[in-house]
Amino acid sequence: MFVIFEKMKWIAWTVVLVGGLLLVVDIPVLSYVPYILMISGVLIHISGSLLFKKHHHPLCRIGFHQFELKSYDQEMKSFGIYTCKRCGKTKKAVKAGG
């Protein structure tokens, strides 16, 4: 099951890449083809994520987590530890200065 998802993800982002390359080449005959390829590649990836990832909230499956700052790392004070409100995924990220 995981192998199918990985192949689907690879195909999706290859289609997006081909669309981007066609957009850069700018062939007048293929005016809408790059946009169609890029949108279809993203839709293939989203549909694959929704079909094969069953253990999270649907928005988290496609990568739209809702992170909130929980604490700071003990060793490196500039690293914040963030946790997703919906699925519980944690990540460390450097706090942006500004």
Foldseek 3Di string as FASTA:
>chain_A
DVVVLVVLLVVLVVLLVVLVVCVVVDDPVCPCSSVVSNVVSLVSNLVSLQVPDDQWDSCVSSPNFAWDFDAADPVDRQWTWIAGPTRGDIDIDGDDDD
